[in-house]
Amino acid sequence: MDSDSRAAHEMCAFGVIYKRFKSHVLMVLIHTCYTLLYFTAEAAFNNGLNPHVMVTYRHFIGGLVMFPFAYVLERKHIYLTEEKHLTVPLLHENRIGLTLNMYFASLKYTSPTFLASMINTIASLTFVMAIILRLEQLDVRNPRGLAKIFGTLFSLMGVMIMTSCKGHVLRNLGKPLIHISGNNLHENWTKGSILTVASCITWSAWYIMQKEFPFKEEILQAFTMKKYPAPLSITTWMNFLGGAQSAVIAVIMQHKPEAWLLTVNIQLWSTIYAGVVCSGIIIFVLLWCNREKGPVFVTLFNPLSTIMVAFTAYFVLGEKLYMGSILGAVISIIGLYLLLWGKETDQQQVGLKSREQPNLTPEEEPIP
């Protein structure tokens, strides 16, 4: 009996630990998958794959993979017959297609480390947009309000350093463990920087539309998981609509029909990986973590990709690291955590308000 009770106690303790850190483990796995995506996409582009074609295929593959799960598990929550639940995702979720097109097009002209570093500025850009649109309150007399200001300034300063000052190149310590074959396409840092910044701005706009702000119009409230409690369905619609938008962009930017033919090498496998894992599974898991822990928790892990990508690029692949990119990335990460510390109180207030709200109707009740 002692051994049985001890085993039961250990299983109970494991269950508590698993429940507490499940979201943390998922976020680490998400950024590990994103790190792999940067380098598989870079290798595919070096081997002739067009970024716009890749993003188009990625969206459609992700949508096809997630649709059966959404149809089977969320038929009661998919709201296909209710215009108020369907039209808003149709009108606004497709902005993700434009964002990813610019983001991956910039990879041709910069580097994975640069792109991963720029992700850390999205929180600050979102904060600036929220201030401009009067969706965010700012108290300069409060230390957390000052943290928001300085965090935003640090992040924007980091962007300016990364985009304008490459600096000296760090010498590689030895031969790369893995060599990515193909032509070196990092030939226009200015063009790549503009595309990256533009993609981060549209990404911030997408986050703005996801949040439930105190507008009188009900249209913005329909974006929240509370109003549309079906993450699998959201993921499916995002992919199909993003794929349609990307297809239009790809046709405009790429006029050669042979560009749509994928060779059975890194081009094909990178596209399948991006669609199944990154546009399908990861988007669903991100929505789940965002619902369970909130956007601040999700954003806290963004610098992890920067560290993973920089480590892999320098020590494994032997790619060049510029001092300007490293300095700008460090400053941006400092700014990110200052801003998140300032936003922590806001998240706690939102949580208190949500607990004070009356019980939800069966239509609004989240799925288990």
Protein backbone atom coordinates (compact mmCIF):
# COMPACT_ATOMS: atom_id res chain seq x y z
CA MET A 1 0.00 0.00 0.00
CA ASP A 2 2.88 2.34 0.76
CA SER A 3 4.32 1.91 -2.72
CA ASP A 4 0.90 2.40 -4.28
CA SER A 5 0.22 5.57 -2.30
CA ARG A 6 3.71 6.87 -3.13
CA ALA A 7 3.14 6.21 -6.83
CA ALA A 8 -0.24 7.93 -6.67
CA HIS A 9 1.33 10.91 -4.92
CA GLU A 10 4.05 11.14 -7.58
CA MET A 11 1.46 10.96 -10.36
CA CYS A 12 -0.54 13.68 -8.66
CA ALA A 13 2.54 15.87 -8.29
CA PHE A 14 3.43 15.27 -11.95
CA GLY A 15 -0.10 16.24 -12.96
CA VAL A 16 0.13 19.50 -11.01
CA ILE A 17 3.51 20.35 -12.56
CA TYR A 18 2.27 19.44 -16.03
CA LYS A 19 -0.84 21.59 -15.64
CA ARG A 20 1.20 24.53 -14.37
CA PHE A 21 3.94 24.46 -17.01
CA LYS A 22 2.06 23.03 -19.99
CA SER A 23 1.75 26.44 -21.62
CA HIS A 24 5.44 27.17 -21.02
CA VAL A 25 6.51 23.93 -22.70
CA LEU A 26 4.19 24.59 -25.63
CA MET A 27 5.62 28.08 -26.14
CA VAL A 28 9.19 26.73 -26.15
CA LEU A 29 8.18 24.10 -28.73
CA ILE A 30 6.47 26.78 -30.83
CA HIS A 31 9.60 28.91 -31.03
CA THR A 32 11.74 25.86 -31.72
CA CYS A 33 9.51 25.11 -34.70
CA TYR A 34 9.69 28.73 -35.84
CA THR A 35 13.49 28.63 -35.61
CA LEU A 36 13.55 25.62 -37.92
CA LEU A 37 11.18 27.41 -40.30
CA TYR A 38 13.54 30.36 -40.73
CA PHE A 39 16.35 28.16 -42.00
CA THR A 40 14.29 25.74 -44.09
CA ALA A 41 12.64 28.73 -45.79
CA GLU A 42 16.01 30.37 -46.37
CA ALA A 43 17.35 27.17 -47.93
CA ALA A 44 14.25 26.86 -50.14
CA PHE A 45 14.56 30.46 -51.32
CA ASN A 46 18.25 29.92 -52.06
CA ASN A 47 17.19 26.97 -54.22
CA GLY A 48 14.80 29.05 -56.32
CA LEU A 49 11.47 28.94 -54.45
CA ASN A 50 9.50 32.18 -54.72
CA PRO A 51 8.48 33.52 -51.26
CA HIS A 52 4.98 34.50 -52.40
CA VAL A 53 4.37 31.05 -53.87
CA MET A 54 5.63 29.44 -50.68
CA VAL A 55 3.31 31.54 -48.48
CA THR A 56 0.34 30.73 -50.74
CA TYR A 57 0.93 26.98 -50.59
CA ARG A 58 1.64 27.23 -46.87
CA HIS A 59 -1.76 28.79 -46.14
CA PHE A 60 -3.74 26.34 -48.23
CA ILE A 61 -1.91 23.34 -46.77
CA GLY A 62 -2.52 24.63 -43.24
CA GLY A 63 -6.21 25.17 -44.01
CA LEU A 64 -6.64 21.70 -45.51
CA VAL A 65 -4.94 20.09 -42.51
CA MET A 66 -7.02 21.95 -39.91
CA PHE A 67 -10.41 21.82 -41.66
CA PRO A 68 -11.29 18.20 -40.73
CA PHE A 69 -10.51 18.87 -37.07
CA ALA A 70 -12.54 22.10 -37.10
CA TYR A 71 -15.50 20.39 -38.78
CA VAL A 72 -15.53 17.41 -36.43
CA LEU A 73 -14.70 19.12 -33.13
CA GLU A 74 -16.28 22.55 -33.55
CA ARG A 75 -19.41 22.03 -35.60
CA LYS A 76 -21.46 23.59 -32.79
CA HIS A 77 -19.15 26.60 -32.58
CA ILE A 78 -18.22 27.27 -36.19
CA TYR A 79 -21.22 29.60 -36.71
CA LEU A 80 -21.28 29.18 -40.48
CA THR A 81 -24.93 30.23 -40.67
CA GLU A 82 -24.66 33.33 -38.50
CA GLU A 83 -23.48 36.35 -40.41
CA LYS A 84 -22.32 38.28 -37.35
CA HIS A 85 -19.85 35.53 -36.44
CA LEU A 86 -18.65 34.74 -39.94
CA THR A 87 -18.28 38.04 -41.76
CA VAL A 88 -15.84 39.64 -39.32
CA PRO A 89 -13.25 36.85 -39.56
CA LEU A 90 -13.72 36.91 -43.33
CA LEU A 91 -13.09 40.65 -43.53
CA HIS A 92 -10.13 40.96 -41.18
CA GLU A 93 -8.31 37.65 -40.62
CA ASN A 94 -6.98 37.70 -44.19
CA ARG A 95 -4.57 40.57 -43.35
CA ILE A 96 -2.19 37.83 -42.16
CA GLY A 97 -1.56 36.88 -45.81
CA LEU A 98 -0.09 40.29 -46.65
CA THR A 99 2.00 40.25 -43.47
CA LEU A 100 3.63 36.89 -44.18
CA ASN A 101 4.24 37.76 -47.82
CA MET A 102 6.28 40.81 -46.87
CA TYR A 103 7.93 39.01 -43.98
CA PHE A 104 9.24 36.07 -45.99
CA ALA A 105 10.09 38.22 -49.01
CA SER A 106 12.40 40.19 -46.72
CA LEU A 107 14.24 36.96 -45.85
CA LYS A 108 15.67 36.96 -49.37
CA TYR A 109 17.48 40.23 -48.67
CA THR A 110 18.41 40.06 -44.97
CA SER A 111 18.97 37.08 -42.66
CA PRO A 112 17.03 34.82 -40.27
CA THR A 113 18.68 36.50 -37.27
CA PHE A 114 17.55 39.95 -38.43
CA LEU A 115 13.97 38.79 -38.94
CA ALA A 116 13.81 37.01 -35.60
CA SER A 117 15.14 40.12 -33.89
CA MET A 118 12.57 42.40 -35.51
CA ILE A 119 9.74 40.30 -34.06
CA ASN A 120 10.55 41.80 -30.66
CA THR A 121 9.40 45.24 -31.86
CA ILE A 122 5.83 44.17 -32.65
CA ALA A 123 4.66 44.75 -29.05
CA SER A 124 5.97 48.33 -29.10
CA LEU A 125 4.51 49.04 -32.54
CA THR A 126 1.16 47.69 -31.33
CA PHE A 127 1.37 49.93 -28.26
CA VAL A 128 2.09 53.00 -30.41
CA MET A 129 -0.84 52.21 -32.70
CA ALA A 130 -3.12 51.70 -29.70
CA ILE A 131 -2.09 55.10 -28.30
CA ILE A 132 -2.74 56.80 -31.65
CA LEU A 133 -6.16 55.14 -31.92
CA ARG A 134 -6.93 56.01 -28.26
CA LEU A 135 -7.27 52.36 -27.36
CA GLU A 136 -4.61 52.51 -24.66
CA GLN A 137 -4.40 54.62 -21.52
CA LEU A 138 -1.05 56.07 -20.49
CA ASP A 139 -0.30 57.56 -17.07
CA VAL A 140 3.10 59.27 -17.17
CA ARG A 141 3.00 59.80 -13.39
CA ASN A 142 2.96 56.05 -12.79
CA PRO A 143 6.23 54.04 -12.93
CA ARG A 144 4.56 51.45 -15.15
CA GLY A 145 3.41 54.20 -17.49
CA LEU A 146 7.00 55.42 -17.75
CA ALA A 147 8.10 51.82 -18.37
CA LYS A 148 5.74 51.68 -21.35
CA ILE A 149 7.23 54.88 -22.78
CA PHE A 150 10.87 53.89 -22.29
CA GLY A 151 10.20 50.35 -23.45
CA THR A 152 8.68 51.65 -26.68
CA LEU A 153 11.56 54.08 -27.21
CA PHE A 154 14.12 51.31 -26.62
CA SER A 155 12.39 49.01 -29.08
CA LEU A 156 12.20 51.68 -31.78
CA MET A 157 15.83 52.57 -31.12
CA GLY A 158 16.73 48.93 -31.61
CA VAL A 159 14.88 48.93 -34.93
CA MET A 160 16.80 51.97 -36.12
CA ILE A 161 20.12 50.38 -35.18
CA MET A 162 19.30 47.04 -36.83
CA THR A 163 18.06 48.62 -40.06
CA SER A 164 20.67 51.36 -40.48
CA CYS A 165 23.87 50.10 -38.81
CA LYS A 166 25.18 46.69 -39.81
CA GLY A 167 28.51 47.21 -38.09
CA HIS A 168 31.43 44.80 -38.03
CA VAL A 169 31.08 41.13 -38.84
CA LEU A 170 31.79 38.62 -36.08
CA ARG A 171 34.37 36.05 -37.07
CA ASN A 172 33.21 32.45 -37.14
CA LEU A 173 34.85 30.18 -34.59
CA GLY A 174 35.14 27.27 -37.00
CA LYS A 175 33.65 25.56 -40.00
CA PRO A 176 29.84 25.34 -40.08
CA LEU A 177 28.32 22.03 -39.07
CA ILE A 178 25.63 22.35 -41.76
CA HIS A 179 25.96 24.14 -45.08
CA ILE A 180 22.90 25.59 -46.83
CA SER A 181 23.47 25.23 -50.55
CA GLY A 182 22.28 27.65 -53.20
CA ASN A 183 22.90 31.23 -54.20
CA ASN A 184 23.37 33.87 -51.55
CA LEU A 185 20.39 36.20 -51.89
CA HIS A 186 21.22 38.60 -49.06
CA GLU A 187 21.99 41.43 -51.46
CA ASN A 188 19.73 44.35 -50.55
CA TRP A 189 19.68 45.12 -46.83
CA THR A 190 17.70 48.36 -47.28
CA LYS A 191 14.91 46.69 -49.28
CA GLY A 192 14.77 43.79 -46.85
CA SER A 193 14.61 46.14 -43.86
CA ILE A 194 11.72 48.10 -45.37
CA LEU A 195 9.79 44.89 -46.05
CA THR A 196 10.45 43.61 -42.52
CA VAL A 197 9.33 46.84 -40.84
CA ALA A 198 6.21 46.97 -43.04
CA SER A 199 5.34 43.38 -42.13
CA CYS A 200 5.76 44.13 -38.42
CA ILE A 201 3.42 47.13 -38.76
CA THR A 202 0.72 45.04 -40.43
CA TRP A 203 1.29 42.33 -37.83
CA SER A 204 0.69 44.92 -35.10
CA ALA A 205 -2.49 46.03 -36.86
CA TRP A 206 -3.65 42.40 -36.86
CA TYR A 207 -3.06 42.18 -33.10
CA ILE A 208 -4.99 45.44 -32.65
CA MET A 209 -7.98 43.87 -34.38
CA GLN A 210 -7.74 40.75 -32.18
CA LYS A 211 -8.13 42.68 -28.96
CA GLU A 212 -11.47 43.64 -27.44
CA PHE A 213 -11.27 47.40 -27.07
CA PRO A 214 -13.91 49.67 -25.51
CA PHE A 215 -15.32 50.86 -28.84
CA LYS A 216 -19.02 51.47 -29.26
CA GLU A 217 -18.98 49.49 -32.48
CA GLU A 218 -19.49 45.79 -31.94
CA ILE A 219 -17.36 44.85 -34.95
CA LEU A 220 -14.07 44.84 -33.03
CA GLN A 221 -15.49 42.71 -30.22
CA ALA A 222 -16.23 39.90 -32.67
CA PHE A 223 -12.53 39.23 -33.01
CA THR A 224 -12.03 37.94 -29.52
CA MET A 225 -11.93 34.31 -28.58
CA LYS A 226 -14.80 35.05 -26.21
CA LYS A 227 -17.08 36.04 -29.10
CA TYR A 228 -15.70 33.37 -31.46
CA PRO A 229 -14.72 30.46 -29.18
CA ALA A 230 -13.49 28.16 -31.93
CA PRO A 231 -9.68 28.24 -32.35
CA LEU A 232 -9.63 25.41 -34.89
CA SER A 233 -12.18 27.19 -37.05
CA ILE A 234 -10.34 30.51 -36.75
CA THR A 235 -7.12 28.79 -37.80
CA THR A 236 -8.85 27.20 -40.79
CA TRP A 237 -10.45 30.45 -41.97
CA MET A 238 -7.22 32.38 -41.48
CA ASN A 239 -5.34 29.94 -43.68
CA PHE A 240 -7.87 29.72 -46.50
CA LEU A 241 -8.40 33.47 -46.65
CA GLY A 242 -4.70 34.18 -46.26
CA GLY A 243 -4.01 31.69 -49.06
CA ALA A 244 -6.48 33.44 -51.38
CA GLN A 245 -4.91 36.81 -50.61
CA SER A 246 -1.40 35.40 -51.07
CA ALA A 247 -2.38 33.85 -54.39
CA VAL A 248 -3.40 37.27 -55.71
CA ILE A 249 -0.13 38.79 -54.49
CA ALA A 250 1.88 35.91 -55.98
CA VAL A 251 0.22 36.28 -59.39
CA ILE A 252 0.99 40.00 -59.39
CA MET A 253 4.60 39.58 -58.25
CA GLN A 254 5.49 36.38 -60.12
CA HIS A 255 4.42 36.00 -63.77
CA LYS A 256 6.22 32.75 -64.58
CA PRO A 257 3.96 29.65 -64.38
CA GLU A 258 6.94 27.40 -63.68
CA ALA A 259 7.47 29.23 -60.37
CA TRP A 260 4.44 27.34 -59.02
CA LEU A 261 6.07 23.95 -59.63
CA LEU A 262 7.89 22.68 -56.55
CA THR A 263 10.86 20.38 -56.97
CA VAL A 264 11.08 17.35 -54.71
CA ASN A 265 13.80 18.75 -52.47
CA ILE A 266 13.96 21.43 -49.80
CA GLN A 267 11.37 23.48 -51.73
CA LEU A 268 8.65 20.85 -51.24
CA TRP A 269 9.56 19.74 -47.72
CA SER A 270 9.95 23.30 -46.45
CA THR A 271 6.53 24.26 -47.83
CA ILE A 272 4.83 21.19 -46.32
CA TYR A 273 6.49 21.83 -42.96
CA ALA A 274 5.46 25.49 -43.02
CA GLY A 275 1.86 24.60 -43.86
CA VAL A 276 1.25 21.63 -41.57
CA VAL A 277 3.27 22.72 -38.53
CA CYS A 278 3.56 26.51 -38.64
CA SER A 279 0.30 27.58 -40.29
CA GLY A 280 -1.77 24.75 -38.84
CA ILE A 281 -0.71 23.31 -35.52
CA ILE A 282 1.25 26.31 -34.20
CA ILE A 283 -1.47 28.87 -34.95
CA PHE A 284 -4.00 26.73 -33.09
CA VAL A 285 -1.66 26.27 -30.12
CA LEU A 286 -0.90 30.02 -30.04
CA LEU A 287 -4.61 30.82 -29.94
CA TRP A 288 -5.04 28.32 -27.12
CA CYS A 289 -2.12 29.76 -25.10
CA ASN A 290 -3.43 33.28 -25.73
CA ARG A 291 -6.84 32.26 -24.37
CA GLU A 292 -5.40 30.43 -21.35
CA LYS A 293 -2.58 32.78 -20.33
CA GLY A 294 -3.18 36.06 -22.15
CA PRO A 295 -1.23 38.00 -24.79
CA VAL A 296 1.48 39.22 -22.41
CA PHE A 297 2.46 35.64 -21.56
CA VAL A 298 2.65 34.74 -25.26
CA THR A 299 4.73 37.82 -26.08
CA LEU A 300 7.21 37.11 -23.27
CA PHE A 301 8.60 34.19 -25.27
CA ASN A 302 9.32 36.15 -28.47
CA PRO A 303 13.01 36.79 -27.61
CA LEU A 304 13.47 33.02 -27.40
CA SER A 305 13.31 32.81 -31.20
CA THR A 306 15.95 35.51 -31.50
CA ILE A 307 18.32 33.59 -29.24
CA MET A 308 17.66 30.25 -30.93
CA VAL A 309 18.02 31.66 -34.45
CA ALA A 310 21.20 33.59 -33.64
CA PHE A 311 22.77 30.56 -31.96
CA THR A 312 21.87 28.25 -34.86
CA ALA A 313 22.94 30.73 -37.53
CA TYR A 314 26.32 31.43 -35.98
CA PHE A 315 27.43 28.14 -34.43
CA VAL A 316 25.67 25.58 -36.64
CA LEU A 317 25.34 27.18 -40.07
CA GLY A 318 28.29 29.56 -39.91
CA GLU A 319 26.29 32.58 -41.10
CA LYS A 320 27.50 36.12 -40.60
CA LEU A 321 26.46 38.01 -37.49
CA TYR A 322 26.72 41.80 -37.52
CA MET A 323 27.40 43.84 -34.41
CA GLY A 324 24.63 46.27 -35.35
CA SER A 325 22.08 43.46 -35.46
CA ILE A 326 23.22 42.08 -32.08
CA LEU A 327 23.19 45.49 -30.38
CA GLY A 328 19.82 46.41 -31.86
CA ALA A 329 18.33 43.05 -30.88
CA VAL A 330 19.52 43.39 -27.26
CA ILE A 331 18.09 46.93 -27.00
CA SER A 332 14.79 45.78 -28.53
CA ILE A 333 14.52 42.88 -26.07
CA ILE A 334 15.15 45.25 -23.13
CA GLY A 335 12.45 47.54 -24.50
CA LEU A 336 10.07 44.61 -24.93
CA TYR A 337 10.35 43.53 -21.29
CA LEU A 338 10.04 47.11 -20.05
CA LEU A 339 6.84 47.46 -22.03
CA LEU A 340 5.50 44.11 -20.82
CA TRP A 341 6.26 45.04 -17.21
CA GLY A 342 4.32 48.25 -17.72
CA LYS A 343 1.41 46.32 -19.27
CA GLU A 344 1.26 43.75 -16.46
CA THR A 345 -1.08 45.89 -14.36
CA ASP A 346 -3.41 46.37 -17.31
CA GLN A 347 -3.66 42.60 -17.75
CA GLN A 348 -4.51 42.15 -14.06
CA GLN A 349 -7.24 44.79 -14.30
CA VAL A 350 -8.69 43.09 -17.37
CA GLY A 351 -8.72 39.79 -15.48
CA LEU A 352 -10.58 41.37 -12.54
CA LYS A 353 -13.17 42.90 -14.87
CA SER A 354 -13.72 39.59 -16.64
CA ARG A 355 -14.34 37.84 -13.30
CA GLU A 356 -16.83 40.54 -12.33
CA GLN A 357 -18.87 40.05 -15.52
CA PRO A 358 -22.13 38.07 -15.32
CA ASN A 359 -22.29 34.49 -16.52
CA LEU A 360 -22.04 34.00 -20.26
CA THR A 361 -24.91 32.80 -22.36
CA PRO A 362 -24.61 29.29 -23.84
CA GLU A 363 -23.74 30.90 -27.19
CA GLU A 364 -20.84 32.83 -25.64
CA GLU A 365 -19.63 30.06 -23.36
CA PRO A 366 -16.12 28.95 -24.35
CA ILE A 367 -15.50 25.43 -25.56
CA PRO A 368 -13.85 23.04 -23.06
